[in-house]
């Protein structure tokens, strides 16, 4: 996984593949299924959160994320991902 992430962020073709996965992957399908008009934004927010965790865990190997058991990470991250996909999102005011 770490080699895949490193390659995908440093090689243009691989970066395009990763963008495609995020844009057309399961998070996008889930967000669109909610019927929310901002489903694509919600999916990218959730994807960016997960990509950040993946970078910490597999590429940078930052502790304690790198050695945390998967059940703990899922339990801790699930509410945030659920919020991105279905929760109330704050709107910026000019």
Protein backbone atom coordinates (compact mmCIF):
# COMPACT_ATOMS: atom_id res chain seq x y z
CA UNK A 1 0.00 0.00 0.00
CA UNK A 2 2.78 2.47 0.84
CA UNK A 3 4.47 2.01 -2.55
CA UNK A 4 1.16 2.49 -4.31
CA UNK A 5 0.43 5.75 -2.49
CA UNK A 6 3.93 7.12 -2.98
CA UNK A 7 3.85 6.29 -6.66
CA UNK A 8 0.39 7.71 -7.13
CA UNK A 9 1.26 11.09 -5.70
CA UNK A 10 4.59 11.46 -7.51
CA UNK A 11 3.91 10.04 -10.98
CA UNK A 12 1.44 12.06 -13.11
CA UNK A 13 -0.27 9.04 -14.70
CA UNK A 14 -0.65 7.38 -11.30
CA UNK A 15 -1.99 10.62 -9.82
CA UNK A 16 -4.59 10.71 -12.61
CA UNK A 17 -5.59 7.14 -11.73
CA UNK A 18 -5.99 8.06 -8.06
CA UNK A 19 -8.09 11.10 -8.98
CA UNK A 20 -10.29 8.86 -11.10
CA UNK A 21 -10.72 6.42 -8.23
CA UNK A 22 -11.76 9.23 -5.91
CA UNK A 23 -14.04 10.86 -8.49
CA UNK A 24 -15.78 7.66 -9.59
CA UNK A 25 -15.22 5.34 -6.65
CA UNK A 26 -17.46 4.00 -3.91
CA UNK A 27 -17.47 7.20 -1.83
CA UNK A 28 -18.85 9.15 -4.77
CA UNK A 29 -21.51 6.51 -5.33
CA UNK A 30 -22.49 6.61 -1.66
CA UNK A 31 -22.63 10.39 -1.57
CA UNK A 32 -24.71 10.55 -4.74
CA UNK A 33 -27.07 7.90 -3.37
CA UNK A 34 -28.03 10.28 -0.56
CA UNK A 35 -29.61 12.54 -3.16
CA UNK A 36 -27.75 15.54 -1.80
CA UNK A 37 -26.99 18.20 -4.43
CA UNK A 38 -23.47 18.48 -3.03
CA UNK A 39 -22.76 14.74 -3.18
CA UNK A 40 -19.55 15.13 -5.17
CA UNK A 41 -18.15 17.62 -2.64
CA UNK A 42 -19.13 15.34 0.23
CA UNK A 43 -17.38 12.40 -1.43
CA UNK A 44 -14.17 14.38 -1.97
CA UNK A 45 -14.17 15.57 1.65
CA UNK A 46 -14.53 12.00 2.87
CA UNK A 47 -11.89 10.82 0.38
CA UNK A 48 -9.44 13.51 1.43
CA UNK A 49 -9.83 12.51 5.07
CA UNK A 50 -9.17 8.86 4.24
CA UNK A 51 -6.24 9.72 1.97
CA UNK A 52 -4.71 11.75 4.78
CA UNK A 53 -4.97 8.79 7.13
CA UNK A 54 -3.51 6.49 4.46
CA UNK A 55 -0.57 8.86 3.94
CA UNK A 56 0.10 9.02 7.68
CA UNK A 57 -0.20 5.27 8.13
CA UNK A 58 1.44 3.79 5.05
CA UNK A 59 3.72 6.40 3.49
CA UNK A 60 4.95 8.60 6.31
CA UNK A 61 4.44 5.91 8.98
CA UNK A 62 3.51 8.43 11.63
CA UNK A 63 2.84 6.94 15.04
CA UNK A 64 0.50 6.13 16.63
CA UNK A 65 -1.59 6.01 13.44
CA UNK A 66 0.88 3.68 11.71
CA UNK A 67 0.56 0.94 14.32
CA UNK A 68 -3.05 1.43 15.41
CA UNK A 69 -5.24 -1.59 14.91
CA UNK A 70 -7.76 -1.28 12.12
CA UNK A 71 -10.79 -1.71 14.39
CA UNK A 72 -9.70 1.30 16.44
CA UNK A 73 -9.19 3.42 13.35
CA UNK A 74 -12.55 2.43 11.90
CA UNK A 75 -14.31 3.19 15.19
CA UNK A 76 -12.63 6.58 15.46
CA UNK A 77 -12.92 7.63 11.80
CA UNK A 78 -16.41 6.35 10.99
CA UNK A 79 -18.31 9.26 12.58
CA UNK A 80 -16.31 11.84 10.60
CA UNK A 81 -16.72 9.98 7.31
CA UNK A 82 -20.43 9.51 7.99
CA UNK A 83 -20.72 13.24 8.72
CA UNK A 84 -19.05 14.14 5.42
CA UNK A 85 -21.44 11.90 3.53
CA UNK A 86 -24.74 12.64 5.28
CA UNK A 87 -24.34 15.30 7.98
CA UNK A 88 -25.01 18.99 7.99
CA UNK A 89 -22.14 20.84 6.33
CA UNK A 90 -21.38 24.38 7.43
CA UNK A 91 -21.56 27.00 4.73
CA UNK A 92 -19.06 29.78 4.40
CA UNK A 93 -20.31 33.32 4.77
CA UNK A 94 -18.72 36.09 2.74
